[in-house]
Protein backbone atom coordinates (compact mmCIF):
# COMPACT_ATOMS: atom_id res chain seq x y z
CA MET A 1 0.49 36.57 63.50
CA SER A 2 -2.58 38.73 63.77
CA LEU A 3 -5.19 37.79 61.28
CA ILE A 4 -7.82 40.17 59.88
CA GLU A 5 -10.88 39.38 57.66
CA GLY A 6 -10.01 40.29 54.05
CA GLN A 7 -6.32 39.43 54.42
CA SER A 8 -5.07 37.25 51.57
CA ALA A 9 -2.16 35.33 50.02
CA GLU A 10 -1.74 33.80 46.79
CA ILE A 11 0.65 31.77 44.62
CA SER A 12 0.90 31.03 40.88
CA LYS A 13 2.09 27.89 39.28
CA ILE A 14 1.97 26.07 35.90
CA PHE A 15 1.19 22.35 35.94
CA GLY A 16 2.75 20.82 32.89
CA PRO A 17 2.55 17.19 31.71
CA ALA A 18 5.37 15.94 33.81
CA GLU A 19 3.68 17.27 37.08
CA VAL A 20 0.37 15.90 36.07
CA ALA A 21 1.92 12.54 35.11
CA ALA A 22 3.78 12.43 38.49
CA PHE A 23 0.38 13.23 40.45
CA ALA A 24 -1.33 10.61 38.43
CA GLU A 25 1.10 8.04 39.66
CA LEU A 26 1.19 9.18 43.28
CA SER A 27 -2.58 9.31 43.42
CA GLU A 28 -3.31 6.34 41.45
CA ASP A 29 -5.64 8.50 39.21
CA ARG A 30 -4.57 7.79 35.59
CA ASN A 31 -7.78 8.89 34.08
CA PRO A 32 -6.86 9.54 30.38
CA ILE A 33 -8.60 12.96 30.55
CA HIS A 34 -5.56 14.08 32.42
CA LEU A 35 -2.78 12.25 30.52
CA ASP A 36 -3.84 11.40 26.95
CA PRO A 37 -4.25 14.21 24.28
CA GLU A 38 -5.79 11.98 21.91
CA PHE A 39 -8.36 10.73 24.48
CA ALA A 40 -9.03 14.22 25.62
CA ALA A 41 -9.49 15.51 22.21
CA GLU A 42 -12.66 13.29 21.94
CA THR A 43 -14.14 14.90 25.16
CA PRO A 44 -16.00 18.24 25.44
CA PHE A 45 -12.74 19.82 27.01
CA LYS A 46 -10.66 18.89 23.68
CA LYS A 47 -7.44 18.76 25.59
CA PRO A 48 -5.92 17.28 28.88
CA ILE A 49 -7.13 18.93 32.09
CA VAL A 50 -5.33 19.10 35.47
CA HIS A 51 -6.63 17.00 38.24
CA GLY A 52 -8.87 19.10 40.42
CA ILE A 53 -7.26 17.76 43.68
CA LEU A 54 -3.80 18.64 42.25
CA LEU A 55 -4.86 22.20 41.84
CA SER A 56 -6.35 22.14 45.32
CA SER A 57 -3.02 21.03 46.85
CA LEU A 58 -1.73 24.66 46.28
CA LEU A 59 -4.39 25.82 48.74
CA SER A 60 -2.70 23.39 51.35
CA GLY A 61 0.55 24.97 50.63
CA LEU A 62 -0.65 28.52 51.04
CA LEU A 63 -2.40 27.71 54.39
CA GLY A 64 0.79 25.91 55.74
CA GLN A 65 3.40 28.30 54.41
CA LYS A 66 1.80 31.84 53.86
CA LEU A 67 -1.51 32.48 55.46
CA PRO A 68 -2.02 31.57 58.33
CA GLY A 69 1.46 29.94 58.05
CA ASP A 70 3.74 27.55 60.13
CA GLY A 71 1.82 25.36 62.40
CA THR A 72 -1.59 25.70 60.73
CA ILE A 73 -3.71 22.57 60.93
CA TYR A 74 -6.46 21.66 58.50
CA LEU A 75 -9.78 21.08 60.15
CA GLY A 76 -11.81 20.95 56.94
CA GLN A 77 -12.11 21.98 53.24
CA THR A 78 -14.94 22.21 50.86
CA LEU A 79 -14.33 22.26 47.13
CA LYS A 80 -16.36 23.04 44.12
CA PHE A 81 -14.91 22.52 40.55
CA VAL A 82 -16.59 24.98 38.37
CA ARG A 83 -14.25 25.24 35.30
CA PRO A 84 -11.48 23.09 34.03
CA ILE A 85 -7.80 24.09 33.99
CA PHE A 86 -5.80 22.81 31.06
CA VAL A 87 -2.38 21.02 31.36
CA GLY A 88 0.13 23.91 30.80
CA ASP A 89 -1.93 26.79 31.77
CA GLU A 90 -0.89 29.11 34.67
CA VAL A 91 -3.03 29.06 37.68
CA THR A 92 -3.31 31.34 40.81
CA ALA A 93 -4.49 29.85 44.14
CA ARG A 94 -5.69 32.29 46.65
CA VAL A 95 -6.82 32.16 50.29
CA THR A 96 -8.59 35.02 51.95
CA VAL A 97 -9.58 35.27 55.62
CA ALA A 98 -13.35 35.22 56.11
CA GLU A 99 -13.72 34.87 59.80
CA VAL A 100 -11.44 34.80 62.90
CA ARG A 101 -13.06 33.30 65.93
CA SER A 102 -12.66 35.18 69.06
CA ASP A 103 -13.14 32.33 71.43
CA LYS A 104 -10.83 29.80 69.82
CA PRO A 105 -7.65 29.80 67.49
CA ILE A 106 -9.81 28.77 64.53
CA VAL A 107 -10.01 30.58 61.21
CA THR A 108 -12.32 30.24 58.18
CA LEU A 109 -10.77 31.23 54.78
CA ARG A 110 -12.39 31.54 51.27
CA THR A 111 -10.18 29.41 49.01
CA GLU A 112 -9.96 29.74 45.20
CA VAL A 113 -7.96 28.61 42.13
CA LEU A 114 -8.21 30.80 39.17
CA ASN A 115 -7.15 30.18 35.59
CA HIS A 116 -4.89 32.30 33.47
CA LYS A 117 -7.86 34.68 32.68
CA GLY A 118 -8.62 35.22 36.29
CA GLU A 119 -11.77 33.06 36.14
CA PRO A 120 -12.57 30.84 39.08
CA CYS A 121 -12.12 27.19 38.59
CA VAL A 122 -11.98 25.72 42.03
CA GLN A 123 -13.91 27.43 44.88
CA GLY A 124 -14.29 26.42 48.49
CA GLU A 125 -13.87 27.29 52.14
CA ALA A 126 -11.16 25.97 54.62
CA VAL A 127 -11.38 25.95 58.37
CA VAL A 128 -7.96 25.71 60.02
CA LYS A 129 -6.58 25.82 63.55
CA ILE A 130 -3.70 28.27 64.13
């Protein structure tokens, strides 16, 4: 696959209570801000939020399946959590090619997860080997 700067891929998904609960069990992160509506109602968010790392897992799927695709190996990822995503909201994860090295099979991509309003919620950068 020939990659060029600006090339992108995205995927949309809804993380409902069942997905968030399953991730909480798998990750051992049972923070009630994610799972308990009564607890979350007393926080600044007012309702349960999706784990940031669960949201970020969509980026891994994009990198490994769509862009760059099969055989991609993560070398690094930065993440900044700038806004919450609430349980049950649709999200869109997007990766965009920022740099293609000419001397090595290494690509840098801008990564982001957007809420249903198109606002950035998770931002970062991935470096991968293709």
